[in-house]
Amino acid sequence: MATSVAVFVVWRSQPSPQPLPPPTSLHPIAPVTPSSTSAVTKVTVHVAGKIRKPGVYLLPVGARVTDAVAAAGGASRGASTGPLNLARRLIDGEQIVVGAPAGQAALGSPMGADPASVVLDLNSATTDQLEQLPGVGEVLAARIAEFRTSRGGFTTVDQLRDVSGIGPRKFEEIKPKVRV
């Protein structure tokens, strides 16, 4: 019996777990307000052809051709958007021609134009568009986009040399097909 009393006393004297206080921050966290967030970047596109309100429009990065057509009031009565890829992402500085025959609609569209004549903006081209460059596949296009994101954009075309996988020969092939 003395043993059981001793075990009970030892067991009872063990500290019981207590909840920890909430962690304190060394630096107070400022609330995020619309004025402190980074500005949303925009693309500028020219919508022309058989459209209700042709003109130059400023749209958010990531907007699609359908968004540009809608911003311009939609296609005119009887105009066809058939040749346009309405789901394609917009590129800064491009022209979208609504209602033109298939061959002419592609003239203002970098994705539909002759790949040999396309000059892409390194700071706004999508990875799909970068893959159209000579010698650039899915992996290298992703590296270019990651480099752009991590550095806040390209300031010169020569910065392509700093992207892993672009050697002197590939750079010379790509250089005339890109701009900043």
Protein backbone atom coordinates (compact mmCIF):
# COMPACT_ATOMS: atom_id res chain seq x y z
CA MET A 1 0.00 0.00 0.00
CA ALA A 2 2.84 2.40 0.72
CA THR A 3 4.07 1.82 -2.80
CA SER A 4 0.73 2.71 -4.32
CA VAL A 5 0.52 5.88 -2.21
CA ALA A 6 4.05 6.84 -3.33
CA VAL A 7 3.18 6.22 -6.99
CA PHE A 8 0.02 8.32 -6.62
CA VAL A 9 1.93 11.20 -5.00
CA VAL A 10 4.66 11.13 -7.70
CA TRP A 11 2.07 10.94 -10.46
CA ARG A 12 0.06 13.79 -8.94
CA SER A 13 3.14 16.02 -8.59
CA GLN A 14 3.94 15.88 -12.34
CA PRO A 15 3.32 19.20 -14.08
CA SER A 16 0.26 19.33 -16.28
CA PRO A 17 0.55 20.76 -19.79
CA GLN A 18 -0.53 24.38 -20.12
CA PRO A 19 -1.48 26.07 -23.41
CA LEU A 20 1.19 28.33 -24.87
CA PRO A 21 0.48 32.02 -25.28
CA PRO A 22 0.02 33.19 -28.86
CA PRO A 23 3.29 34.10 -30.60
CA THR A 24 4.25 37.73 -30.61
CA SER A 25 5.51 39.34 -33.76
CA LEU A 26 8.79 41.23 -33.75
CA HIS A 27 7.49 43.50 -36.50
CA PRO A 28 3.84 44.51 -36.59
CA ILE A 29 2.13 43.51 -39.80
CA ALA A 30 0.57 46.43 -41.61
CA PRO A 31 -2.85 45.77 -43.10
CA VAL A 32 -2.89 45.52 -46.87
CA THR A 33 -4.75 48.39 -48.44
CA PRO A 34 -5.47 48.97 -52.12
CA SER A 35 -2.95 51.83 -52.15
CA SER A 36 -0.15 49.59 -50.87
CA THR A 37 -0.63 46.80 -53.39
CA SER A 38 1.36 46.83 -56.59
CA ALA A 39 -0.31 48.37 -59.60
CA VAL A 40 -1.99 45.97 -61.95
CA THR A 41 -0.16 46.02 -65.26
CA LYS A 42 -2.09 46.62 -68.44
CA VAL A 43 -1.81 45.80 -72.12
CA THR A 44 -2.70 48.23 -74.88
CA VAL A 45 -4.47 46.80 -77.93
CA HIS A 46 -5.97 48.30 -81.07
CA VAL A 47 -9.36 46.85 -82.00
CA ALA A 48 -10.31 47.58 -85.62
CA GLY A 49 -12.49 46.31 -88.43
CA LYS A 50 -16.20 45.57 -88.18
CA ILE A 51 -16.56 46.59 -84.55
CA ARG A 52 -19.01 49.00 -82.89
CA LYS A 53 -16.39 51.24 -81.20
CA PRO A 54 -13.00 50.75 -82.90
CA GLY A 55 -10.05 52.21 -81.06
CA VAL A 56 -7.18 51.66 -78.67
CA TYR A 57 -8.05 49.95 -75.38
CA LEU A 58 -6.16 49.43 -72.13
CA LEU A 59 -6.95 46.00 -70.63
CA PRO A 60 -5.51 44.01 -67.71
CA VAL A 61 -2.64 41.62 -68.39
CA GLY A 62 -4.10 38.18 -68.96
CA ALA A 63 -7.16 39.52 -70.79
CA ARG A 64 -8.29 37.58 -73.84
CA VAL A 65 -9.27 38.61 -77.37
CA THR A 66 -12.93 38.22 -76.38
CA ASP A 67 -12.38 40.85 -73.65
CA ALA A 68 -10.96 43.30 -76.21
CA VAL A 69 -13.89 42.72 -78.57
CA ALA A 70 -16.34 43.25 -75.70
CA ALA A 71 -14.53 46.43 -74.59
CA ALA A 72 -14.96 47.77 -78.12
CA GLY A 73 -18.71 47.20 -77.98
CA GLY A 74 -18.76 43.85 -79.77
CA ALA A 75 -18.76 42.99 -83.45
CA SER A 76 -20.95 45.00 -85.81
CA ARG A 77 -24.15 43.41 -87.11
CA GLY A 78 -23.30 40.65 -89.57
CA ALA A 79 -19.57 40.67 -88.78
CA SER A 80 -17.96 37.33 -88.08
CA THR A 81 -15.38 36.69 -85.39
CA GLY A 82 -14.76 33.23 -86.88
CA PRO A 83 -11.11 33.73 -87.90
CA LEU A 84 -10.24 35.18 -84.47
CA ASN A 85 -9.14 32.96 -81.61
CA LEU A 86 -11.29 34.62 -78.94
CA ALA A 87 -9.66 32.57 -76.17
CA ARG A 88 -6.09 33.75 -76.92
CA ARG A 89 -4.37 36.01 -74.38
CA LEU A 90 -3.66 39.54 -75.54
CA ILE A 91 -0.18 40.84 -76.28
CA ASP A 92 0.74 44.44 -75.58
CA GLY A 93 0.70 46.53 -78.74
CA GLU A 94 -1.20 44.14 -80.97
CA GLN A 95 -4.01 44.90 -83.37
CA ILE A 96 -7.18 42.81 -83.49
CA VAL A 97 -9.12 43.02 -86.75
CA VAL A 98 -12.74 41.91 -86.42
CA GLY A 99 -14.66 40.69 -89.47
CA ALA A 100 -11.68 40.47 -91.81
CA PRO A 101 -11.13 37.40 -93.98
CA ALA A 102 -8.99 34.70 -92.35
CA GLY A 103 -5.77 35.77 -94.10
CA GLN A 104 -6.14 39.44 -93.20
CA ALA A 105 -7.25 38.90 -89.61
CA ALA A 106 -3.91 37.31 -88.82
CA LEU A 107 -1.89 40.32 -89.99
CA GLY A 108 -2.34 42.24 -86.75
CA SER A 109 -2.18 39.18 -84.55
CA PRO A 110 1.27 37.91 -83.56
CA MET A 111 -0.07 34.40 -82.96
CA GLY A 112 -1.60 34.18 -86.42
CA ALA A 113 1.12 36.01 -88.34
CA ASP A 114 4.02 34.40 -90.12
CA PRO A 115 6.29 33.15 -87.28
CA ALA A 116 9.36 34.46 -89.14
CA SER A 117 8.06 38.05 -88.93
CA VAL A 118 6.79 38.10 -85.33
CA VAL A 119 8.66 40.24 -82.80
CA LEU A 120 7.61 39.42 -79.22
CA ASP A 121 7.85 41.70 -76.21
CA LEU A 122 9.83 39.78 -73.58
CA ASN A 123 7.92 41.49 -70.77
CA SER A 124 4.41 40.63 -71.95
CA ALA A 125 4.68 37.47 -74.05
CA THR A 126 3.03 34.37 -72.61
CA THR A 127 4.95 31.11 -72.31
CA ASP A 128 2.94 29.77 -75.27
CA GLN A 129 4.10 32.70 -77.36
CA LEU A 130 7.72 32.33 -76.19
CA GLU A 131 7.62 28.71 -77.37
CA GLN A 132 7.21 30.03 -80.93
CA LEU A 133 10.75 31.43 -80.80
CA PRO A 134 13.44 29.35 -82.53
CA GLY A 135 14.89 26.70 -80.22
CA VAL A 136 12.57 27.57 -77.34
CA GLY A 137 10.46 24.78 -75.93
CA GLU A 138 8.18 24.50 -72.93
CA VAL A 139 11.00 24.32 -70.37
CA LEU A 140 13.03 27.23 -71.76
CA ALA A 141 9.89 29.38 -72.15
CA ALA A 142 9.12 28.74 -68.47
CA ARG A 143 12.69 29.74 -67.53
CA ILE A 144 12.38 32.99 -69.50
CA ALA A 145 9.07 33.77 -67.76
CA GLU A 146 10.56 32.91 -64.34
CA PHE A 147 13.59 35.13 -65.02
CA ARG A 148 11.23 37.96 -66.01
CA THR A 149 9.14 37.51 -62.86
CA SER A 150 12.10 37.26 -60.48
CA ARG A 151 13.84 40.34 -61.91
CA GLY A 152 10.78 42.53 -62.39
CA GLY A 153 10.98 42.32 -66.17
CA PHE A 154 13.61 42.63 -68.84
CA THR A 155 15.29 45.99 -69.36
CA THR A 156 17.35 44.85 -72.37
CA VAL A 157 17.21 41.97 -74.82
CA ASP A 158 20.79 41.12 -73.83
CA GLN A 159 19.51 39.91 -70.44
CA LEU A 160 18.32 36.76 -72.25
CA ARG A 161 21.95 35.62 -72.03
CA ASP A 162 21.47 35.30 -68.26
CA VAL A 163 18.64 32.78 -68.65
CA SER A 164 19.82 29.23 -68.05
CA GLY A 165 19.76 27.30 -71.31
CA ILE A 166 20.35 30.22 -73.66
CA GLY A 167 23.86 30.09 -75.04
CA PRO A 168 25.49 32.47 -77.54
CA ARG A 169 24.18 30.59 -80.58
CA LYS A 170 20.57 30.37 -79.38
CA PHE A 171 20.70 34.02 -78.26
CA GLU A 172 21.70 35.10 -81.79
CA GLU A 173 18.72 33.14 -83.22
CA ILE A 174 16.26 34.66 -80.75
CA LYS A 175 17.61 38.24 -80.60
CA PRO A 176 15.99 39.57 -83.81
CA LYS A 177 12.61 38.11 -82.82
CA VAL A 178 12.24 39.82 -79.42
CA ARG A 179 12.10 43.31 -77.94
CA VAL A 180 11.54 44.98 -74.56
